[in-house]
Protein backbone atom coordinates (compact mmCIF):
# COMPACT_ATOMS: atom_id res chain seq x y z
CA MET A 1 -5.88 -21.28 -17.65
CA LYS A 2 -9.13 -23.25 -17.64
CA ARG A 3 -10.92 -20.14 -18.81
CA THR A 4 -8.51 -19.65 -21.75
CA VAL A 5 -8.82 -23.28 -22.81
CA PHE A 6 -12.62 -23.03 -22.55
CA VAL A 7 -12.70 -19.83 -24.65
CA LEU A 8 -10.41 -21.34 -27.27
CA LEU A 9 -12.47 -24.52 -27.38
CA LEU A 10 -15.69 -22.54 -27.70
CA ALA A 11 -14.18 -20.34 -30.44
CA GLY A 12 -13.02 -23.45 -32.30
CA LEU A 13 -16.47 -25.03 -32.13
CA VAL A 14 -18.20 -21.85 -33.29
CA SER A 15 -15.77 -21.27 -36.16
CA GLY A 16 -16.02 -24.95 -37.13
CA SER A 17 -19.79 -24.82 -37.31
CA VAL A 18 -19.68 -21.57 -39.31
CA PHE A 19 -17.15 -23.13 -41.69
CA ALA A 20 -19.26 -26.27 -42.07
CA GLU A 21 -22.36 -24.18 -42.77
CA GLN A 22 -20.57 -22.30 -45.52
CA LEU A 23 -19.53 -25.53 -47.21
CA SER A 24 -23.05 -26.87 -47.31
CA LYS A 25 -24.82 -23.89 -48.89
CA ILE A 26 -26.56 -25.30 -51.94
CA ALA A 27 -28.55 -23.69 -54.76
CA VAL A 28 -30.61 -24.93 -57.68
CA VAL A 29 -31.04 -23.45 -61.13
CA ASP A 30 -33.62 -24.12 -63.88
CA VAL A 31 -31.53 -24.22 -67.05
CA GLY A 32 -34.59 -24.72 -69.26
CA ARG A 33 -36.14 -21.49 -68.00
CA ILE A 34 -32.87 -19.64 -68.52
CA LEU A 35 -32.62 -21.10 -72.02
CA LYS A 36 -36.10 -19.85 -72.88
CA SER A 37 -35.28 -16.43 -71.48
CA TYR A 38 -32.01 -16.26 -73.40
CA TYR A 39 -33.51 -17.39 -76.71
CA ARG A 40 -36.87 -15.65 -76.31
CA GLU A 41 -36.62 -13.83 -79.63
CA SER A 42 -34.60 -16.41 -81.54
CA SER A 43 -35.91 -18.39 -84.49
CA GLY A 44 -34.67 -21.56 -82.78
CA LEU A 45 -36.92 -21.03 -79.79
CA ARG A 46 -39.85 -20.10 -82.01
CA GLU A 47 -39.30 -23.40 -83.84
CA TYR A 48 -39.12 -25.21 -80.48
CA ASP A 49 -42.40 -23.62 -79.39
CA SER A 50 -43.97 -24.50 -82.76
CA ILE A 51 -42.96 -28.16 -82.38
CA ARG A 52 -44.32 -28.21 -78.81
CA ASN A 53 -47.61 -26.58 -79.88
CA ASP A 54 -47.98 -28.99 -82.83
CA MET A 55 -47.34 -31.90 -80.48
CA ASN A 56 -49.97 -30.70 -78.01
CA LYS A 57 -52.53 -30.11 -80.77
CA GLY A 58 -51.80 -33.51 -82.30
CA LEU A 59 -52.13 -35.25 -78.94
CA ALA A 60 -55.41 -33.44 -78.26
CA ARG A 61 -56.77 -34.47 -81.68
CA ILE A 62 -55.76 -38.11 -81.16
CA GLN A 63 -57.24 -38.09 -77.64
CA GLU A 64 -60.55 -36.78 -79.04
CA GLU A 65 -60.60 -39.70 -81.47
CA ILE A 66 -59.86 -42.13 -78.62
CA ASP A 67 -62.61 -40.58 -76.50
CA ASP A 68 -65.02 -40.84 -79.43
CA LEU A 69 -64.13 -44.51 -79.92
CA ASN A 70 -64.64 -45.20 -76.20
CA LEU A 71 -68.06 -43.56 -76.40
CA ARG A 72 -69.00 -45.57 -79.50
CA ILE A 73 -67.86 -48.77 -77.78
CA SER A 74 -69.97 -47.96 -74.70
CA GLU A 75 -73.01 -47.23 -76.87
CA ALA A 76 -72.49 -50.42 -78.89
CA GLU A 77 -72.16 -52.51 -75.73
CA ALA A 78 -75.30 -50.91 -74.28
CA SER A 79 -77.29 -51.77 -77.39
CA GLY A 80 -75.83 -55.29 -77.65
CA GLU A 81 -73.90 -54.65 -80.86
CA GLU A 82 -70.55 -56.22 -81.76
CA THR A 83 -67.61 -54.11 -80.52
CA GLY A 84 -64.64 -56.11 -81.83
CA ARG A 85 -63.87 -53.80 -84.78
CA LEU A 86 -64.21 -50.68 -82.61
CA LYS A 87 -61.93 -52.15 -79.93
CA GLU A 88 -59.30 -52.98 -82.55
CA GLU A 89 -59.53 -49.44 -83.85
CA LEU A 90 -59.19 -48.15 -80.28
CA GLU A 91 -56.05 -50.26 -79.74
CA LYS A 92 -54.54 -48.94 -82.98
CA GLN A 93 -55.36 -45.36 -82.07
CA THR A 94 -53.89 -45.77 -78.57
CA ALA A 95 -50.71 -47.28 -80.01
CA TYR A 96 -50.56 -44.45 -82.55
CA LYS A 97 -50.87 -41.89 -79.77
CA GLN A 98 -47.99 -43.47 -77.87
CA GLU A 99 -45.81 -43.59 -81.00
CA TYR A 100 -46.75 -40.01 -81.92
CA PHE A 101 -45.83 -38.81 -78.43
CA LYS A 102 -42.54 -40.70 -78.52
CA ASN A 103 -41.58 -39.26 -81.93
CA MET A 104 -42.61 -35.70 -81.13
CA SER A 105 -40.89 -35.81 -77.74
CA SER A 106 -37.73 -36.99 -79.45
CA LYS A 107 -37.97 -34.17 -81.98
CA LEU A 108 -38.58 -31.67 -79.19
CA SER A 109 -35.63 -32.97 -77.16
CA ALA A 110 -33.38 -32.77 -80.21
CA LYS A 111 -34.37 -29.15 -80.79
CA GLU A 112 -33.81 -28.31 -77.11
CA SER A 113 -30.40 -29.96 -77.29
CA ASP A 114 -29.56 -27.90 -80.38
CA LEU A 115 -30.41 -24.75 -78.48
CA GLN A 116 -28.47 -25.81 -75.39
CA LEU A 117 -25.38 -26.81 -77.32
CA ASN A 118 -24.79 -23.26 -78.43
CA SER A 119 -21.34 -22.75 -76.94
CA ARG A 120 -21.85 -19.00 -76.49
CA PHE A 121 -24.93 -19.66 -74.42
CA TYR A 122 -23.18 -22.18 -72.19
CA SER A 123 -20.18 -19.94 -71.74
CA VAL A 124 -22.42 -17.07 -70.65
CA LEU A 125 -24.56 -19.41 -68.51
CA TYR A 126 -21.62 -20.98 -66.71
CA LYS A 127 -20.10 -17.58 -65.92
CA ALA A 128 -23.45 -16.24 -64.69
CA ILE A 129 -24.04 -19.26 -62.44
CA GLN A 130 -20.51 -19.03 -61.11
CA TYR A 131 -20.85 -15.30 -60.42
CA VAL A 132 -24.19 -15.65 -58.60
CA ALA A 133 -23.04 -18.70 -56.64
CA GLU A 134 -19.79 -17.10 -55.51
CA SER A 135 -21.33 -13.73 -54.69
CA GLU A 136 -24.09 -15.38 -52.63
CA GLY A 137 -21.83 -17.92 -50.94
CA TYR A 138 -23.13 -21.11 -52.57
CA SER A 139 -20.67 -23.95 -52.81
CA LEU A 140 -22.84 -26.27 -54.93
CA VAL A 141 -25.39 -25.55 -57.69
CA LEU A 142 -27.64 -28.30 -59.05
CA LYS A 143 -29.95 -28.28 -62.06
CA THR A 144 -33.64 -28.57 -61.19
CA SER A 145 -33.98 -31.08 -64.03
CA ASP A 146 -31.48 -33.43 -62.38
CA ALA A 147 -33.12 -36.85 -61.99
CA ASP A 148 -31.48 -37.31 -58.58
CA LEU A 149 -32.94 -34.07 -57.21
CA VAL A 150 -36.01 -35.10 -55.26
CA TRP A 151 -37.07 -31.84 -53.60
CA TYR A 152 -35.82 -28.34 -52.94
CA HIS A 153 -37.12 -25.21 -51.27
CA THR A 154 -37.75 -22.24 -53.54
CA GLU A 155 -35.48 -20.11 -51.37
CA ILE A 156 -32.42 -21.81 -52.85
CA ASP A 157 -33.55 -21.34 -56.48
CA ILE A 158 -31.17 -18.81 -58.05
CA THR A 159 -32.67 -19.01 -61.56
CA ASP A 160 -33.99 -15.44 -61.60
CA LYS A 161 -30.64 -14.08 -60.44
CA VAL A 162 -28.83 -16.06 -63.11
CA ILE A 163 -31.27 -14.83 -65.78
CA ALA A 164 -30.60 -11.25 -64.68
CA ARG A 165 -26.85 -11.89 -64.85
CA VAL A 166 -27.13 -13.50 -68.33
CA ARG A 167 -29.14 -10.51 -69.59
CA ALA A 168 -26.58 -8.12 -68.12
CA SER A 169 -23.76 -9.89 -69.93
CA ASN A 170 -25.36 -9.49 -73.38
């Protein structure tokens, strides 16, 4: 009798821990990377890339001007010249860079949102994530871009599997 109770108790504990482990299997997915893969050849993504490249070039150009102003200020200070006008120009250029970045980031985010709002894409994406998660035993899938996600191990990243599933469904 004691042996039967012990075996049943042990079986209950083992099955309970297996059940609990299955409930806590978590995955992450990089929706941005899937989006880029899905829209690789689309005009929308080419426009997105163009905006991003223009932003980076513009920021680099503005930063060169800021660096040049800093150098001119250092040279003027070393030679005892007045630097007030140069410092004002530097402040204006720095403010312009911040405003430029803000505007271009907003434009870039709007374009990314346009691409993501494509209902066909999200329908395919949701089904692919669901298929991969269910077939691999995941009970929760989080986006890597989630602000609350602090860290994850690459072993739980199912992005490549979801990309393969999205491609297979086209």
